[in-house]
């Protein structure tokens, strides 16, 4: 997440990991502006999670990301979002 203040990115990650919908959306934006090999997948993942929580902005951004991704990349992003949700449910049940 090179172009952004590392402290801001760390804060967003912490908040996003706790389920903060706005932080998930903003973290998606951070990844969407990066050029790394995993950037689109990670952006889609975070937009997907925010969208599932009702963020309409994230739905639009997720669609935009999907238009730039291969089917395999979209599948990987969805797999990561499902894994994230499963981890949260397991943690809550413990």
PDB file of N, CA and C in Angstrom:
ATOM      1  N   UNK A   1       0.843  -1.179   0.000  1.00  0.00           N
ATOM      2  CA  UNK A   1       0.000   0.000   0.000  1.00  0.00           C
ATOM      3  C   UNK A   1       0.883   1.237   0.000  1.00  0.00           C
ATOM      4  N   UNK A   2       1.759   1.311  -0.962  1.00  0.00           N
ATOM      5  CA  UNK A   2       2.842   2.255  -1.020  1.00  0.00           C
ATOM      6  C   UNK A   2       2.544   3.725  -0.973  1.00  0.00           C
ATOM      7  N   UNK A   3       1.539   4.226  -1.658  1.00  0.00           N
ATOM      8  CA  UNK A   3       1.348   5.669  -1.758  1.00  0.00           C
ATOM      9  C   UNK A   3       0.645   6.270  -0.557  1.00  0.00           C
ATOM     10  N   UNK A   4       0.172   5.472   0.327  1.00  0.00           N
ATOM     11  CA  UNK A   4      -0.599   5.958   1.456  1.00  0.00           C
ATOM     12  C   UNK A   4       0.229   5.948   2.724  1.00  0.00           C
ATOM     13  N   UNK A   5      -0.150   6.786   3.652  1.00  0.00           N
ATOM     14  CA  UNK A   5       0.482   6.815   4.965  1.00  0.00           C
ATOM     15  C   UNK A   5       0.360   5.420   5.579  1.00  0.00           C
ATOM     16  N   UNK A   6       1.476   4.788   5.920  1.00  0.00           N
ATOM     17  CA  UNK A   6       1.410   3.431   6.481  1.00  0.00           C
ATOM     18  C   UNK A   6       0.562   3.353   7.739  1.00  0.00           C
ATOM     19  N   UNK A   7       0.585   4.402   8.544  1.00  0.00           N
ATOM     20  CA  UNK A   7      -0.230   4.387   9.764  1.00  0.00           C
ATOM     21  C   UNK A   7      -1.710   4.376   9.426  1.00  0.00           C
ATOM     22  N   UNK A   8      -2.103   5.134   8.403  1.00  0.00           N
ATOM     23  CA  UNK A   8      -3.497   5.147   7.970  1.00  0.00           C
ATOM     24  C   UNK A   8      -3.884   3.774   7.427  1.00  0.00           C
ATOM     25  N   UNK A   9      -3.024   3.196   6.613  1.00  0.00           N
ATOM     26  CA  UNK A   9      -3.311   1.874   6.058  1.00  0.00           C
ATOM     27  C   UNK A   9      -3.428   0.835   7.170  1.00  0.00           C
ATOM     28  N   UNK A  10      -2.548   0.906   8.164  1.00  0.00           N
ATOM     29  CA  UNK A  10      -2.620  -0.028   9.293  1.00  0.00           C
ATOM     30  C   UNK A  10      -3.927   0.142  10.051  1.00  0.00           C
ATOM     31  N   UNK A  11      -4.325   1.391  10.288  1.00  0.00           N
ATOM     32  CA  UNK A  11      -5.578   1.665  10.987  1.00  0.00           C
ATOM     33  C   UNK A  11      -6.763   1.127  10.189  1.00  0.00           C
ATOM     34  N   UNK A  12      -6.763   1.356   8.887  1.00  0.00           N
ATOM     35  CA  UNK A  12      -7.843   0.837   8.048  1.00  0.00           C
ATOM     36  C   UNK A  12      -7.906  -0.685   8.123  1.00  0.00           C
ATOM     37  N   UNK A  13      -6.753  -1.338   8.070  1.00  0.00           N
ATOM     38  CA  UNK A  13      -6.720  -2.800   8.119  1.00  0.00           C
ATOM     39  C   UNK A  13      -7.287  -3.306   9.442  1.00  0.00           C
ATOM     40  N   UNK A  14      -6.896  -2.694  10.531  1.00  0.00           N
ATOM     41  CA  UNK A  14      -7.401  -3.100  11.848  1.00  0.00           C
ATOM     42  C   UNK A  14      -8.914  -2.940  11.897  1.00  0.00           C
ATOM     43  N   UNK A  15      -9.399  -1.788  11.470  1.00  0.00           N
ATOM     44  CA  UNK A  15     -10.843  -1.532  11.494  1.00  0.00           C
ATOM     45  C   UNK A  15     -11.590  -2.454  10.534  1.00  0.00           C
ATOM     46  N   UNK A  16     -11.028  -2.666   9.345  1.00  0.00           N
ATOM     47  CA  UNK A  16     -11.670  -3.546   8.360  1.00  0.00           C
ATOM     48  C   UNK A  16     -11.754  -4.971   8.890  1.00  0.00           C
ATOM     49  N   UNK A  17     -10.696  -5.423   9.530  1.00  0.00           N
ATOM     50  CA  UNK A  17     -10.672  -6.784  10.077  1.00  0.00           C
ATOM     51  C   UNK A  17     -11.704  -6.978  11.180  1.00  0.00           C
ATOM     52  N   UNK A  18     -12.103  -5.906  11.852  1.00  0.00           N
ATOM     53  CA  UNK A  18     -13.122  -6.023  12.894  1.00  0.00           C
ATOM     54  C   UNK A  18     -14.534  -5.906  12.331  1.00  0.00           C
ATOM     55  N   UNK A  19     -14.642  -5.714  10.999  1.00  0.00           N
ATOM     56  CA  UNK A  19     -15.957  -5.664  10.375  1.00  0.00           C
ATOM     57  C   UNK A  19     -16.483  -4.276  10.102  1.00  0.00           C
ATOM     58  N   UNK A  20     -15.670  -3.255  10.260  1.00  0.00           N
ATOM     59  CA  UNK A  20     -16.084  -1.876   9.992  1.00  0.00           C
ATOM     60  C   UNK A  20     -16.304  -1.712   8.484  1.00  0.00           C
ATOM     61  N   UNK A  21     -17.556  -1.559   8.096  1.00  0.00           N
ATOM     62  CA  UNK A  21     -17.934  -1.486   6.681  1.00  0.00           C
ATOM     63  C   UNK A  21     -17.251  -0.342   5.954  1.00  0.00           C
ATOM     64  N   UNK A  22     -17.193   0.833   6.552  1.00  0.00           N
ATOM     65  CA  UNK A  22     -16.550   1.976   5.899  1.00  0.00           C
ATOM     66  C   UNK A  22     -15.056   1.727   5.722  1.00  0.00           C
ATOM     67  N   UNK A  23     -14.423   1.143   6.725  1.00  0.00           N
ATOM     68  CA  UNK A  23     -12.994   0.829   6.613  1.00  0.00           C
ATOM     69  C   UNK A  23     -12.760  -0.223   5.530  1.00  0.00           C
ATOM     70  N   UNK A  24     -13.665  -1.183   5.411  1.00  0.00           N
ATOM     71  CA  UNK A  24     -13.536  -2.185   4.354  1.00  0.00           C
ATOM     72  C   UNK A  24     -13.611  -1.519   2.983  1.00  0.00           C
ATOM     73  N   UNK A  25     -14.554  -0.608   2.824  1.00  0.00           N
ATOM     74  CA  UNK A  25     -14.680   0.127   1.561  1.00  0.00           C
ATOM     75  C   UNK A  25     -13.414   0.929   1.280  1.00  0.00           C
ATOM     76  N   UNK A  26     -12.943   1.657   2.272  1.00  0.00           N
ATOM     77  CA  UNK A  26     -11.746   2.489   2.082  1.00  0.00           C
ATOM     78  C   UNK A  26     -10.497   1.638   1.819  1.00  0.00           C
ATOM     79  N   UNK A  27     -10.408   0.499   2.461  1.00  0.00           N
ATOM     80  CA  UNK A  27      -9.282  -0.396   2.203  1.00  0.00           C
ATOM     81  C   UNK A  27      -9.352  -0.923   0.765  1.00  0.00           C
ATOM     82  N   UNK A  28     -10.558  -1.189   0.296  1.00  0.00           N
ATOM     83  CA  UNK A  28     -10.727  -1.561  -1.109  1.00  0.00           C
ATOM     84  C   UNK A  28     -10.207  -0.473  -2.033  1.00  0.00           C
ATOM     85  N   UNK A  29     -10.486   0.788  -1.687  1.00  0.00           N
ATOM     86  CA  UNK A  29      -9.980   1.905  -2.492  1.00  0.00           C
ATOM     87  C   UNK A  29      -8.460   1.947  -2.494  1.00  0.00           C
ATOM     88  N   UNK A  30      -7.860   1.691  -1.335  1.00  0.00           N
ATOM     89  CA  UNK A  30      -6.395   1.683  -1.248  1.00  0.00           C
ATOM     90  C   UNK A  30      -5.835   0.630  -2.203  1.00  0.00           C
ATOM     91  N   UNK A  31      -6.351  -0.583  -2.113  1.00  0.00           N
ATOM     92  CA  UNK A  31      -5.854  -1.649  -2.987  1.00  0.00           C
ATOM     93  C   UNK A  31      -6.150  -1.358  -4.458  1.00  0.00           C
ATOM     94  N   UNK A  32      -7.283  -0.728  -4.741  1.00  0.00           N
ATOM     95  CA  UNK A  32      -7.659  -0.440  -6.129  1.00  0.00           C
ATOM     96  C   UNK A  32      -6.688   0.517  -6.807  1.00  0.00           C
ATOM     97  N   UNK A  33      -5.970   1.305  -6.026  1.00  0.00           N
ATOM     98  CA  UNK A  33      -5.025   2.262  -6.610  1.00  0.00           C
ATOM     99  C   UNK A  33      -3.605   1.727  -6.657  1.00  0.00           C
ATOM    100  N   UNK A  34      -3.401   0.516  -6.174  1.00  0.00           N
ATOM    101  CA  UNK A  34      -2.068  -0.085  -6.164  1.00  0.00           C
ATOM    102  C   UNK A  34      -1.825  -0.863  -7.455  1.00  0.00           C
ATOM    103  N   UNK A  35      -0.576  -1.190  -7.701  1.00  0.00           N
ATOM    104  CA  UNK A  35      -0.199  -1.907  -8.916  1.00  0.00           C
ATOM    105  C   UNK A  35       0.340  -3.298  -8.658  1.00  0.00           C
ATOM    106  N   UNK A  36       0.303  -3.758  -7.426  1.00  0.00           N
ATOM    107  CA  UNK A  36       0.855  -5.064  -7.098  1.00  0.00           C
ATOM    108  C   UNK A  36       0.096  -6.197  -7.767  1.00  0.00           C
ATOM    109  N   UNK A  37       0.704  -7.384  -7.810  1.00  0.00           N
ATOM    110  CA  UNK A  37       0.085  -8.519  -8.491  1.00  0.00           C
ATOM    111  C   UNK A  37      -1.224  -8.979  -7.853  1.00  0.00           C
ATOM    112  N   UNK A  38      -1.419  -8.669  -6.602  1.00  0.00           N
ATOM    113  CA  UNK A  38      -2.602  -9.104  -5.858  1.00  0.00           C
ATOM    114  C   UNK A  38      -3.591  -7.959  -5.626  1.00  0.00           C
ATOM    115  N   UNK A  39      -3.299  -6.782  -6.136  1.00  0.00           N
ATOM    116  CA  UNK A  39      -4.067  -5.587  -5.781  1.00  0.00           C
ATOM    117  C   UNK A  39      -5.536  -5.677  -6.178  1.00  0.00           C
ATOM    118  N   UNK A  40      -5.833  -6.096  -7.393  1.00  0.00           N
ATOM    119  CA  UNK A  40      -7.230  -6.172  -7.823  1.00  0.00           C
ATOM    120  C   UNK A  40      -8.006  -7.205  -7.014  1.00  0.00           C
ATOM    121  N   UNK A  41      -7.370  -8.335  -6.732  1.00  0.00           N
ATOM    122  CA  UNK A  41      -8.024  -9.386  -5.942  1.00  0.00           C
ATOM    123  C   UNK A  41      -8.352  -8.857  -4.547  1.00  0.00           C
ATOM    124  N   UNK A  42      -7.382  -8.185  -3.926  1.00  0.00           N
ATOM    125  CA  UNK A  42      -7.614  -7.655  -2.578  1.00  0.00           C
ATOM    126  C   UNK A  42      -8.651  -6.535  -2.589  1.00  0.00           C
ATOM    127  N   UNK A  43      -8.623  -5.678  -3.602  1.00  0.00           N
ATOM    128  CA  UNK A  43      -9.633  -4.620  -3.701  1.00  0.00           C
ATOM    129  C   UNK A  43     -11.020  -5.237  -3.813  1.00  0.00           C
ATOM    130  N   UNK A  44     -11.170  -6.219  -4.687  1.00  0.00           N
ATOM    131  CA  UNK A  44     -12.462  -6.882  -4.878  1.00  0.00           C
ATOM    132  C   UNK A  44     -12.917  -7.534  -3.575  1.00  0.00           C
ATOM    133  N   UNK A  45     -11.997  -8.195  -2.882  1.00  0.00           N
ATOM    134  CA  UNK A  45     -12.337  -8.847  -1.605  1.00  0.00           C
ATOM    135  C   UNK A  45     -12.936  -7.841  -0.632  1.00  0.00           C
ATOM    136  N   UNK A  46     -12.244  -6.711  -0.420  1.00  0.00           N
ATOM    137  CA  UNK A  46     -12.720  -5.741   0.563  1.00  0.00           C
ATOM    138  C   UNK A  46     -13.984  -5.038   0.096  1.00  0.00           C
ATOM    139  N   UNK A  47     -14.106  -4.745  -1.194  1.00  0.00           N
ATOM    140  CA  UNK A  47     -15.356  -4.175  -1.703  1.00  0.00           C
ATOM    141  C   UNK A  47     -16.492  -5.178  -1.531  1.00  0.00           C
ATOM    142  N   UNK A  48     -16.218  -6.442  -1.767  1.00  0.00           N
ATOM    143  CA  UNK A  48     -17.232  -7.477  -1.617  1.00  0.00           C
ATOM    144  C   UNK A  48     -17.726  -7.553  -0.173  1.00  0.00           C
ATOM    145  N   UNK A  49     -16.803  -7.544   0.771  1.00  0.00           N
ATOM    146  CA  UNK A  49     -17.195  -7.607   2.184  1.00  0.00           C
ATOM    147  C   UNK A  49     -18.007  -6.379   2.589  1.00  0.00           C
ATOM    148  N   UNK A  50     -17.579  -5.203   2.151  1.00  0.00           N
ATOM    149  CA  UNK A  50     -18.328  -3.981   2.466  1.00  0.00           C
ATOM    150  C   UNK A  50     -19.705  -4.018   1.812  1.00  0.00           C
ATOM    151  N   UNK A  51     -19.773  -4.495   0.574  1.00  0.00           N
ATOM    152  CA  UNK A  51     -21.053  -4.576  -0.136  1.00  0.00           C
ATOM    153  C   UNK A  51     -22.011  -5.531   0.567  1.00  0.00           C
ATOM    154  N   UNK A  52     -21.489  -6.649   1.066  1.00  0.00           N
ATOM    155  CA  UNK A  52     -22.338  -7.605   1.776  1.00  0.00           C
ATOM    156  C   UNK A  52     -22.883  -7.018   3.073  1.00  0.00           C
ATOM    157  N   UNK A  53     -22.213  -5.984   3.578  1.00  0.00           N
ATOM    158  CA  UNK A  53     -22.693  -5.301   4.782  1.00  0.00           C
ATOM    159  C   UNK A  53     -23.606  -4.135   4.440  1.00  0.00           C
ATOM    160  N   UNK A  54     -23.882  -3.943   3.149  1.00  0.00           N
ATOM    161  CA  UNK A  54     -24.838  -2.924   2.739  1.00  0.00           C
ATOM    162  C   UNK A  54     -24.259  -1.649   2.158  1.00  0.00           C
ATOM    163  N   UNK A  55     -22.963  -1.592   1.926  1.00  0.00           N
ATOM    164  CA  UNK A  55     -22.352  -0.379   1.373  1.00  0.00           C
ATOM    165  C   UNK A  55     -22.582  -0.340  -0.137  1.00  0.00           C
ATOM    166  N   UNK A  56     -23.430   0.574  -0.591  1.00  0.00           N
ATOM    167  CA  UNK A  56     -23.759   0.656  -2.014  1.00  0.00           C
ATOM    168  C   UNK A  56     -22.586   1.162  -2.848  1.00  0.00           C
ATOM    169  N   UNK A  57     -21.734   1.989  -2.270  1.00  0.00           N
ATOM    170  CA  UNK A  57     -20.545   2.452  -2.997  1.00  0.00           C
ATOM    171  C   UNK A  57     -19.657   1.260  -3.325  1.00  0.00           C
ATOM    172  N   UNK A  58     -19.530   0.360  -2.371  1.00  0.00           N
ATOM    173  CA  UNK A  58     -18.675  -0.812  -2.554  1.00  0.00           C
ATOM    174  C   UNK A  58     -19.210  -1.718  -3.658  1.00  0.00           C
ATOM    175  N   UNK A  59     -20.532  -1.800  -3.783  1.00  0.00           N
ATOM    176  CA  UNK A  59     -21.106  -2.616  -4.860  1.00  0.00           C
ATOM    177  C   UNK A  59     -20.660  -2.100  -6.224  1.00  0.00           C
ATOM    178  N   UNK A  60     -20.722  -0.787  -6.391  1.00  0.00           N
ATOM    179  CA  UNK A  60     -20.318  -0.183  -7.666  1.00  0.00           C
ATOM    180  C   UNK A  60     -18.828  -0.384  -7.918  1.00  0.00           C
ATOM    181  N   UNK A  61     -18.015  -0.195  -6.892  1.00  0.00           N
ATOM    182  CA  UNK A  61     -16.567  -0.367  -7.039  1.00  0.00           C
ATOM    183  C   UNK A  61     -16.210  -1.825  -7.328  1.00  0.00           C
ATOM    184  N   UNK A  62     -16.907  -2.734  -6.669  1.00  0.00           N
ATOM    185  CA  UNK A  62     -16.662  -4.165  -6.900  1.00  0.00           C
ATOM    186  C   UNK A  62     -16.937  -4.514  -8.363  1.00  0.00           C
ATOM    187  N   UNK A  63     -18.018  -3.978  -8.902  1.00  0.00           N
ATOM    188  CA  UNK A  63     -18.345  -4.227 -10.308  1.00  0.00           C
ATOM    189  C   UNK A  63     -17.262  -3.669 -11.227  1.00  0.00           C
ATOM    190  N   UNK A  64     -16.784  -2.478 -10.907  1.00  0.00           N
ATOM    191  CA  UNK A  64     -15.720  -1.868 -11.706  1.00  0.00           C
ATOM    192  C   UNK A  64     -14.446  -2.722 -11.665  1.00  0.00           C
ATOM    193  N   UNK A  65     -14.106  -3.222 -10.480  1.00  0.00           N
ATOM    194  CA  UNK A  65     -12.933  -4.091 -10.354  1.00  0.00           C
ATOM    195  C   UNK A  65     -13.126  -5.356 -11.186  1.00  0.00           C
ATOM    196  N   UNK A  66     -14.310  -5.942 -11.104  1.00  0.00           N
ATOM    197  CA  UNK A  66     -14.579  -7.198 -11.805  1.00  0.00           C
ATOM    198  C   UNK A  66     -14.387  -7.056 -13.309  1.00  0.00           C
ATOM    199  N   UNK A  67     -14.678  -5.887 -13.838  1.00  0.00           N
ATOM    200  CA  UNK A  67     -14.525  -5.660 -15.276  1.00  0.00           C
ATOM    201  C   UNK A  67     -13.064  -5.681 -15.709  1.00  0.00           C
ATOM    202  N   UNK A  68     -12.149  -5.508 -14.772  1.00  0.00           N
ATOM    203  CA  UNK A  68     -10.717  -5.506 -15.078  1.00  0.00           C
ATOM    204  C   UNK A  68     -10.038  -6.821 -14.710  1.00  0.00           C
ATOM    205  N   UNK A  69     -10.812  -7.781 -14.192  1.00  0.00           N
ATOM    206  CA  UNK A  69     -10.239  -9.012 -13.656  1.00  0.00           C
ATOM    207  C   UNK A  69     -10.611 -10.219 -14.504  1.00  0.00           C
ATOM    208  N   UNK A  70      -9.775 -11.228 -14.427  1.00  0.00           N
ATOM    209  CA  UNK A  70     -10.097 -12.511 -15.066  1.00  0.00           C
ATOM    210  C   UNK A  70     -11.083 -13.269 -14.170  1.00  0.00           C
ATOM    211  N   UNK A  71     -11.703 -14.284 -14.739  1.00  0.00           N
ATOM    212  CA  UNK A  71     -12.620 -15.118 -13.953  1.00  0.00           C
ATOM    213  C   UNK A  71     -11.889 -15.767 -12.782  1.00  0.00           C
ATOM    214  N   UNK A  72     -10.646 -16.168 -13.000  1.00  0.00           N
ATOM    215  CA  UNK A  72      -9.860 -16.793 -11.927  1.00  0.00           C
ATOM    216  C   UNK A  72      -9.580 -15.801 -10.804  1.00  0.00           C
ATOM    217  N   UNK A  73      -9.287 -14.556 -11.147  1.00  0.00           N
ATOM    218  CA  UNK A  73      -9.033 -13.538 -10.122  1.00  0.00           C
ATOM    219  C   UNK A  73     -10.297 -13.246  -9.319  1.00  0.00           C
ATOM    220  N   UNK A  74     -11.433 -13.164  -9.994  1.00  0.00           N
ATOM    221  CA  UNK A  74     -12.702 -12.927  -9.294  1.00  0.00           C
ATOM    222  C   UNK A  74     -12.995 -14.088  -8.351  1.00  0.00           C
ATOM    223  N   UNK A  75     -12.800 -15.300  -8.831  1.00  0.00           N
ATOM    224  CA  UNK A  75     -13.028 -16.483  -7.988  1.00  0.00           C
ATOM    225  C   UNK A  75     -12.123 -16.459  -6.763  1.00  0.00           C
ATOM    226  N   UNK A  76     -10.868 -16.058  -6.943  1.00  0.00           N
ATOM    227  CA  UNK A  76      -9.936 -15.981  -5.812  1.00  0.00           C
ATOM    228  C   UNK A  76     -10.377 -14.910  -4.819  1.00  0.00           C
ATOM    229  N   UNK A  77     -10.818 -13.765  -5.316  1.00  0.00           N
ATOM    230  CA  UNK A  77     -11.291 -12.696  -4.429  1.00  0.00           C
ATOM    231  C   UNK A  77     -12.506 -13.164  -3.633  1.00  0.00           C
ATOM    232  N   UNK A  78     -13.411 -13.860  -4.290  1.00  0.00           N
ATOM    233  CA  UNK A  78     -14.597 -14.374  -3.605  1.00  0.00           C
ATOM    234  C   UNK A  78     -14.217 -15.441  -2.583  1.00  0.00           C
ATOM    235  N   UNK A  79     -13.254 -16.281  -2.928  1.00  0.00           N
ATOM    236  CA  UNK A  79     -12.790 -17.304  -1.985  1.00  0.00           C
ATOM    237  C   UNK A  79     -12.210 -16.653  -0.742  1.00  0.00           C
ATOM    238  N   UNK A  80     -11.420 -15.595  -0.939  1.00  0.00           N
ATOM    239  CA  UNK A  80     -10.818 -14.895   0.200  1.00  0.00           C
ATOM    240  C   UNK A  80     -11.880 -14.212   1.059  1.00  0.00           C
ATOM    241  N   UNK A  81     -12.893 -13.654   0.439  1.00  0.00           N
ATOM    242  CA  UNK A  81     -13.970 -13.019   1.207  1.00  0.00           C
ATOM    243  C   UNK A  81     -14.720 -14.066   2.026  1.00  0.00           C
ATOM    244  N   UNK A  82     -15.013 -15.206   1.418  1.00  0.00           N
ATOM    245  CA  UNK A  82     -15.698 -16.289   2.152  1.00  0.00           C
ATOM    246  C   UNK A  82     -14.837 -16.797   3.303  1.00  0.00           C
ATOM    247  N   UNK A  83     -13.536 -16.938   3.066  1.00  0.00           N
ATOM    248  CA  UNK A  83     -12.627 -17.397   4.124  1.00  0.00           C
ATOM    249  C   UNK A  83     -12.600 -16.400   5.270  1.00  0.00           C
ATOM    250  N   UNK A  84     -12.585 -15.114   4.951  1.00  0.00           N
ATOM    251  CA  UNK A  84     -12.586 -14.073   5.978  1.00  0.00           C
ATOM    252  C   UNK A  84     -13.857 -14.174   6.818  1.00  0.00           C
ATOM    253  N   UNK A  85     -14.995 -14.354   6.145  1.00  0.00           N
ATOM    254  CA  UNK A  85     -16.262 -14.465   6.867  1.00  0.00           C
ATOM    255  C   UNK A  85     -16.284 -15.716   7.741  1.00  0.00           C
ATOM    256  N   UNK A  86     -15.773 -16.826   7.238  1.00  0.00           N
ATOM    257  CA  UNK A  86     -15.743 -18.072   8.012  1.00  0.00           C
ATOM    258  C   UNK A  86     -14.862 -17.925   9.247  1.00  0.00           C
ATOM    259  N   UNK A  87     -13.725 -17.260   9.096  1.00  0.00           N
ATOM    260  CA  UNK A  87     -12.832 -17.030  10.241  1.00  0.00           C
ATOM    261  C   UNK A  87     -13.527 -16.198  11.310  1.00  0.00           C
ATOM    262  N   UNK A  88     -14.260 -15.189  10.896  1.00  0.00           N
ATOM    263  CA  UNK A  88     -14.996 -14.355  11.863  1.00  0.00           C
ATOM    264  C   UNK A  88     -16.059 -15.152  12.584  1.00  0.00           C
ATOM    265  N   UNK A  89     -16.789 -15.985  11.858  1.00  0.00           N
ATOM    266  CA  UNK A  89     -17.836 -16.791  12.493  1.00  0.00           C
ATOM    267  C   UNK A  89     -17.235 -17.781  13.476  1.00  0.00           C
ATOM    268  N   UNK A  90     -16.102 -18.365  13.122  1.00  0.00           N
ATOM    269  CA  UNK A  90     -15.420 -19.298  14.017  1.00  0.00           C
ATOM    270  C   UNK A  90     -14.948 -18.575  15.276  1.00  0.00           C
ATOM    271  N   UNK A  91     -14.400 -17.383  15.109  1.00  0.00           N
ATOM    272  CA  UNK A  91     -13.910 -16.607  16.255  1.00  0.00           C
ATOM    273  C   UNK A  91     -15.064 -16.215  17.172  1.00  0.00           C
ATOM    274  N   UNK A  92     -16.206 -15.861  16.593  1.00  0.00           N
ATOM    275  CA  UNK A  92     -17.365 -15.487  17.413  1.00  0.00           C
ATOM    276  C   UNK A  92     -17.915 -16.678  18.179  1.00  0.00           C
ATOM    277  N   UNK A  93     -17.853 -17.855  17.576  1.00  0.00           N
ATOM    278  CA  UNK A  93     -18.386 -19.060  18.211  1.00  0.00           C
ATOM    279  C   UNK A  93     -17.496 -19.555  19.349  1.00  0.00           C
ATOM    280  N   UNK A  94     -16.233 -19.172  19.318  1.00  0.00           N
ATOM    281  CA  UNK A  94     -15.280 -19.657  20.333  1.00  0.00           C
ATOM    282  C   UNK A  94     -15.441 -18.967  21.661  1.00  0.00           C
TER     283      UNK A  94
END
